[in-house]
Each structure stands twice: as structure tokens, then as C-alpha cells.
Amino acid sequence: MSKTNVTRKCGCHETLVLDGNAARRANRAKWESEKNCFKCQIKINNETAKQNQLELGLPQLTGTEKQISYAENLRDKCAKQLINYRDRLISGEIPGQEQNKNHVQYVNKIIAVTDSKFWIDNSSRLTTSIGNENLHFKYLKFDLIISL
């Protein structure tokens, strides 16, 4: 094990403890120097999420500052998938015409949710079920918005 000073892509300096032989440590140090530090990457992710929310016309989230910061990144990932899913429902790419009308309404309501806690509690359920094209609204912690 050896301590190595690394200058990150963002300009921050860090001391890393690396193991392995000299070549492996050098490769790891080079790889680490091509990435942003953790704090700068979080800032970049937050800025990207805010920019995407403006582009998508999403409402401002409510909650504590930490909840909002965390939920914005989660909603950013989910909202893109939800909007794509909704557009595919509308275009008829996904079979089940009558069920699709209800799903479009639910997706629109989900996208409009401003409660940070909702996005924190449900983001993994949403991304998993949308990825499988099998969105089960009854499994969402969604009582505060609609009753199914």
C-alpha cells in the first residue's frame, strides 16, 4: 500500500491509498486523475439535473435542502424514462389501448409530483418497472397524490 497524490480533472487534489505493484498503482492514479472528485461530481450532477428539469418543464420540488438535492437527481433519471414511456404509450408502441389511456394519466400525475420524499421512496421502483415496460402503479407509495 502506498499513498499517492492525485490532481483530479476538476483541479482538486487528493491523497489516495493505493495497493498493488508500481504499475498497477500508476494506472489507478492515472485513472483517478481523469475523474472529478466526489464533491465536484455531485455539484455537476445537481447542475445537470436542474438544467434538465428546466428543459422538461418540471415543477420545483419541496422538502429539506438535502432532500431536494438528492431527489432532483433521482427525478431527473426517472422523468426522462417516464416521458419516453408516456410518449410510447400515446403513439401506440405499447399494446393495450384502454389501459394505456389510464397509464398516460398516471404518468402525467407522477411527473407533476413535487414532494421530494416521493421521488426518494419510489425512484428505484419507477426505473425498474419502466425498464421492464411493466409499470405497476399500485406498488408505488403514492397515496398522497392519487388513490388507485
C-alpha atoms as a PDB file:
ATOM      1  CA  MET A   1       0.000   0.000   0.000  1.00  0.00           C
ATOM      2  CA  SER A   2       1.215   3.414  -0.882  1.00  0.00           C
ATOM      3  CA  LYS A   3      -0.074   6.977  -0.616  1.00  0.00           C
ATOM      4  CA  THR A   4      -0.275   8.795  -3.937  1.00  0.00           C
ATOM      5  CA  ASN A   5      -1.151  12.444  -4.557  1.00  0.00           C
ATOM      6  CA  VAL A   6      -3.584  12.897  -7.430  1.00  0.00           C
ATOM      7  CA  THR A   7      -4.856  16.038  -9.149  1.00  0.00           C
ATOM      8  CA  ARG A   8      -8.401  15.381 -10.314  1.00  0.00           C
ATOM      9  CA  LYS A   9      -9.957  16.532 -13.581  1.00  0.00           C
ATOM     10  CA  CYS A  10     -11.766  19.271 -11.632  1.00  0.00           C
ATOM     11  CA  GLY A  11      -8.467  20.583 -10.230  1.00  0.00           C
ATOM     12  CA  CYS A  12      -8.934  19.257  -6.696  1.00  0.00           C
ATOM     13  CA  HIS A  13      -6.005  17.494  -5.030  1.00  0.00           C
ATOM     14  CA  GLU A  14      -6.427  14.259  -3.117  1.00  0.00           C
ATOM     15  CA  THR A  15      -4.180  11.742  -1.438  1.00  0.00           C
ATOM     16  CA  LEU A  16      -5.206   8.182  -2.245  1.00  0.00           C
ATOM     17  CA  VAL A  17      -4.055   4.963  -0.644  1.00  0.00           C
ATOM     18  CA  LEU A  18      -3.391   2.524  -3.488  1.00  0.00           C
ATOM     19  CA  ASP A  19      -2.371  -1.107  -3.352  1.00  0.00           C
ATOM     20  CA  GLY A  20      -0.695  -3.431  -5.827  1.00  0.00           C
ATOM     21  CA  ASN A  21       2.586  -3.189  -7.657  1.00  0.00           C
ATOM     22  CA  ALA A  22       4.013   0.080  -9.006  1.00  0.00           C
ATOM     23  CA  ALA A  23       2.484  -0.323 -12.481  1.00  0.00           C
ATOM     24  CA  ARG A  24      -0.966  -1.020 -11.045  1.00  0.00           C
ATOM     25  CA  ARG A  25      -0.738   1.982  -8.691  1.00  0.00           C
ATOM     26  CA  ALA A  26       0.377   4.216 -11.586  1.00  0.00           C
ATOM     27  CA  ASN A  27      -2.533   3.045 -13.762  1.00  0.00           C
ATOM     28  CA  ARG A  28      -5.005   3.600 -10.934  1.00  0.00           C
ATOM     29  CA  ALA A  29      -3.590   7.068 -10.198  1.00  0.00           C
ATOM     30  CA  LYS A  30      -3.894   7.987 -13.893  1.00  0.00           C
ATOM     31  CA  TRP A  31      -7.473   6.688 -13.997  1.00  0.00           C
ATOM     32  CA  GLU A  32      -8.400   8.610 -10.829  1.00  0.00           C
ATOM     33  CA  SER A  33      -6.870  11.808 -12.241  1.00  0.00           C
ATOM     34  CA  GLU A  34      -9.239  11.603 -15.221  1.00  0.00           C
ATOM     35  CA  LYS A  35     -12.297  11.749 -12.931  1.00  0.00           C
ATOM     36  CA  ASN A  36     -13.801  14.584 -10.900  1.00  0.00           C
ATOM     37  CA  CYS A  37     -13.610  14.419  -7.123  1.00  0.00           C
ATOM     38  CA  PHE A  38     -16.752  13.255  -5.332  1.00  0.00           C
ATOM     39  CA  LYS A  39     -17.889  16.741  -4.227  1.00  0.00           C
ATOM     40  CA  CYS A  40     -17.377  18.303  -7.660  1.00  0.00           C
ATOM     41  CA  GLN A  41     -19.171  15.401  -9.358  1.00  0.00           C
ATOM     42  CA  ILE A  42     -22.174  15.901  -7.078  1.00  0.00           C
ATOM     43  CA  LYS A  43     -22.246  19.601  -7.995  1.00  0.00           C
ATOM     44  CA  ILE A  44     -22.084  18.734 -11.701  1.00  0.00           C
ATOM     45  CA  ASN A  45     -24.880  16.167 -11.322  1.00  0.00           C
ATOM     46  CA  ASN A  46     -27.053  18.691  -9.465  1.00  0.00           C
ATOM     47  CA  GLU A  47     -26.489  21.373 -12.109  1.00  0.00           C
ATOM     48  CA  THR A  48     -27.262  18.910 -14.903  1.00  0.00           C
ATOM     49  CA  ALA A  49     -30.437  17.767 -13.137  1.00  0.00           C
ATOM     50  CA  LYS A  50     -31.603  21.373 -12.667  1.00  0.00           C
ATOM     51  CA  GLN A  51     -30.909  22.166 -16.326  1.00  0.00           C
ATOM     52  CA  ASN A  52     -32.825  19.067 -17.463  1.00  0.00           C
ATOM     53  CA  GLN A  53     -35.743  19.962 -15.195  1.00  0.00           C
ATOM     54  CA  LEU A  54     -35.939  23.409 -16.772  1.00  0.00           C
ATOM     55  CA  GLU A  55     -35.853  21.887 -20.261  1.00  0.00           C
ATOM     56  CA  LEU A  56     -38.568  19.369 -19.374  1.00  0.00           C
ATOM     57  CA  GLY A  57     -40.679  21.989 -17.585  1.00  0.00           C
ATOM     58  CA  LEU A  58     -40.784  20.073 -14.305  1.00  0.00           C
ATOM     59  CA  PRO A  59     -42.078  21.852 -11.187  1.00  0.00           C
ATOM     60  CA  GLN A  60     -39.801  22.815  -8.274  1.00  0.00           C
ATOM     61  CA  LEU A  61     -39.516  20.121  -5.601  1.00  0.00           C
ATOM     62  CA  THR A  62     -40.443  20.655  -1.954  1.00  0.00           C
ATOM     63  CA  GLY A  63     -38.681  19.314   1.126  1.00  0.00           C
ATOM     64  CA  THR A  64     -35.470  19.988   3.009  1.00  0.00           C
ATOM     65  CA  GLU A  65     -32.423  21.236   1.122  1.00  0.00           C
ATOM     66  CA  LYS A  66     -30.758  17.807   1.286  1.00  0.00           C
ATOM     67  CA  GLN A  67     -33.932  16.020   0.200  1.00  0.00           C
ATOM     68  CA  ILE A  68     -34.385  18.362  -2.745  1.00  0.00           C
ATOM     69  CA  SER A  69     -30.769  17.999  -3.850  1.00  0.00           C
ATOM     70  CA  TYR A  70     -30.951  14.197  -3.725  1.00  0.00           C
ATOM     71  CA  ALA A  71     -34.460  13.957  -5.188  1.00  0.00           C
ATOM     72  CA  GLU A  72     -33.633  16.236  -8.137  1.00  0.00           C
ATOM     73  CA  ASN A  73     -31.049  13.745  -9.375  1.00  0.00           C
ATOM     74  CA  LEU A  74     -33.430  10.830  -8.885  1.00  0.00           C
ATOM     75  CA  ARG A  75     -36.313  12.630 -10.582  1.00  0.00           C
ATOM     76  CA  ASP A  76     -34.053  13.648 -13.453  1.00  0.00           C
ATOM     77  CA  LYS A  77     -33.329   9.987 -14.225  1.00  0.00           C
ATOM     78  CA  CYS A  78     -36.935   8.904 -13.743  1.00  0.00           C
ATOM     79  CA  ALA A  79     -38.584  11.795 -15.585  1.00  0.00           C
ATOM     80  CA  LYS A  80     -36.738  11.117 -18.829  1.00  0.00           C
ATOM     81  CA  GLN A  81     -37.799   7.470 -18.696  1.00  0.00           C
ATOM     82  CA  LEU A  82     -41.365   8.377 -17.713  1.00  0.00           C
ATOM     83  CA  ILE A  83     -41.733  10.883 -20.535  1.00  0.00           C
ATOM     84  CA  ASN A  84     -40.333   8.381 -23.041  1.00  0.00           C
ATOM     85  CA  TYR A  85     -42.715   5.714 -21.675  1.00  0.00           C
ATOM     86  CA  ARG A  86     -45.671   8.118 -21.875  1.00  0.00           C
ATOM     87  CA  ASP A  87     -44.807   9.082 -25.460  1.00  0.00           C
ATOM     88  CA  ARG A  88     -44.600   5.416 -26.437  1.00  0.00           C
ATOM     89  CA  LEU A  89     -47.994   4.790 -24.821  1.00  0.00           C
ATOM     90  CA  ILE A  90     -49.516   7.695 -26.741  1.00  0.00           C
ATOM     91  CA  SER A  91     -48.005   6.583 -30.051  1.00  0.00           C
ATOM     92  CA  GLY A  92     -49.357   3.047 -29.562  1.00  0.00           C
ATOM     93  CA  GLU A  93     -45.951   1.333 -29.499  1.00  0.00           C
ATOM     94  CA  ILE A  94     -47.030  -0.466 -26.328  1.00  0.00           C
ATOM     95  CA  PRO A  95     -50.185  -2.585 -26.829  1.00  0.00           C
ATOM     96  CA  GLY A  96     -53.291  -2.260 -24.664  1.00  0.00           C
ATOM     97  CA  GLN A  97     -55.162   0.847 -25.854  1.00  0.00           C
ATOM     98  CA  GLU A  98     -57.614   1.238 -22.950  1.00  0.00           C
ATOM     99  CA  GLN A  99     -55.024   0.554 -20.266  1.00  0.00           C
ATOM    100  CA  ASN A 100     -52.630   2.986 -21.989  1.00  0.00           C
ATOM    101  CA  LYS A 101     -55.049   5.901 -21.508  1.00  0.00           C
ATOM    102  CA  ASN A 102     -55.031   5.303 -17.764  1.00  0.00           C
ATOM    103  CA  HIS A 103     -51.261   4.895 -17.711  1.00  0.00           C
ATOM    104  CA  VAL A 104     -50.769   8.185 -19.558  1.00  0.00           C
ATOM    105  CA  GLN A 105     -52.863   9.950 -16.901  1.00  0.00           C
ATOM    106  CA  TYR A 106     -50.903   8.313 -14.081  1.00  0.00           C
ATOM    107  CA  VAL A 107     -47.557   9.128 -15.698  1.00  0.00           C
ATOM    108  CA  ASN A 108     -48.606  12.765 -16.064  1.00  0.00           C
ATOM    109  CA  LYS A 109     -49.558  12.851 -12.372  1.00  0.00           C
ATOM    110  CA  ILE A 110     -46.276  11.230 -11.349  1.00  0.00           C
ATOM    111  CA  ILE A 111     -44.230  13.714 -13.381  1.00  0.00           C
ATOM    112  CA  ALA A 112     -46.091  16.572 -11.672  1.00  0.00           C
ATOM    113  CA  VAL A 113     -45.272  15.346  -8.121  1.00  0.00           C
ATOM    114  CA  THR A 114     -43.282  17.970  -6.212  1.00  0.00           C
ATOM    115  CA  ASP A 115     -42.713  16.042  -2.972  1.00  0.00           C
ATOM    116  CA  SER A 116     -39.024  15.099  -2.652  1.00  0.00           C
ATOM    117  CA  LYS A 117     -39.902  12.216  -0.359  1.00  0.00           C
ATOM    118  CA  PHE A 118     -41.977  10.610  -3.131  1.00  0.00           C
ATOM    119  CA  TRP A 119     -39.030  10.603  -5.547  1.00  0.00           C
ATOM    120  CA  ILE A 120     -36.654   9.265  -2.897  1.00  0.00           C
ATOM    121  CA  ASP A 121     -39.053   6.465  -1.927  1.00  0.00           C
ATOM    122  CA  ASN A 122     -40.116   5.460  -5.443  1.00  0.00           C
ATOM    123  CA  SER A 123     -37.299   6.158  -7.897  1.00  0.00           C
ATOM    124  CA  SER A 124     -35.949   2.602  -7.907  1.00  0.00           C
ATOM    125  CA  ARG A 125     -39.445   1.144  -8.375  1.00  0.00           C
ATOM    126  CA  LEU A 126     -40.123   3.530 -11.246  1.00  0.00           C
ATOM    127  CA  THR A 127     -36.875   2.941 -13.126  1.00  0.00           C
ATOM    128  CA  THR A 128     -37.101  -0.845 -12.727  1.00  0.00           C
ATOM    129  CA  SER A 129     -40.710  -1.127 -13.819  1.00  0.00           C
ATOM    130  CA  ILE A 130     -40.338   1.310 -16.724  1.00  0.00           C
ATOM    131  CA  GLY A 131     -37.249  -0.552 -17.901  1.00  0.00           C
ATOM    132  CA  ASN A 132     -39.344  -3.730 -17.992  1.00  0.00           C
ATOM    133  CA  GLU A 133     -42.231  -1.841 -19.660  1.00  0.00           C
ATOM    134  CA  ASN A 134     -44.397  -3.072 -16.823  1.00  0.00           C
ATOM    135  CA  LEU A 135     -45.295  -0.063 -14.697  1.00  0.00           C
ATOM    136  CA  HIS A 136     -47.320  -1.176 -11.670  1.00  0.00           C
ATOM    137  CA  PHE A 137     -48.780   1.940 -10.083  1.00  0.00           C
ATOM    138  CA  LYS A 138     -50.277   0.031  -7.179  1.00  0.00           C
ATOM    139  CA  TYR A 139     -46.780  -0.687  -5.805  1.00  0.00           C
ATOM    140  CA  LEU A 140     -45.811   2.965  -5.579  1.00  0.00           C
ATOM    141  CA  LYS A 141     -46.011   4.840  -2.290  1.00  0.00           C
ATOM    142  CA  PHE A 142     -48.460   7.159  -3.932  1.00  0.00           C
ATOM    143  CA  ASP A 143     -51.400   7.614  -1.514  1.00  0.00           C
ATOM    144  CA  LEU A 144     -50.805  11.335  -1.111  1.00  0.00           C
ATOM    145  CA  ILE A 145     -51.376  12.029  -4.815  1.00  0.00           C
ATOM    146  CA  ILE A 146     -53.950   9.610  -6.195  1.00  0.00           C
ATOM    147  CA  SER A 147     -55.825   6.627  -4.932  1.00  0.00           C
ATOM    148  CA  LEU A 148     -55.763   3.639  -7.224  1.00  0.00           C
END
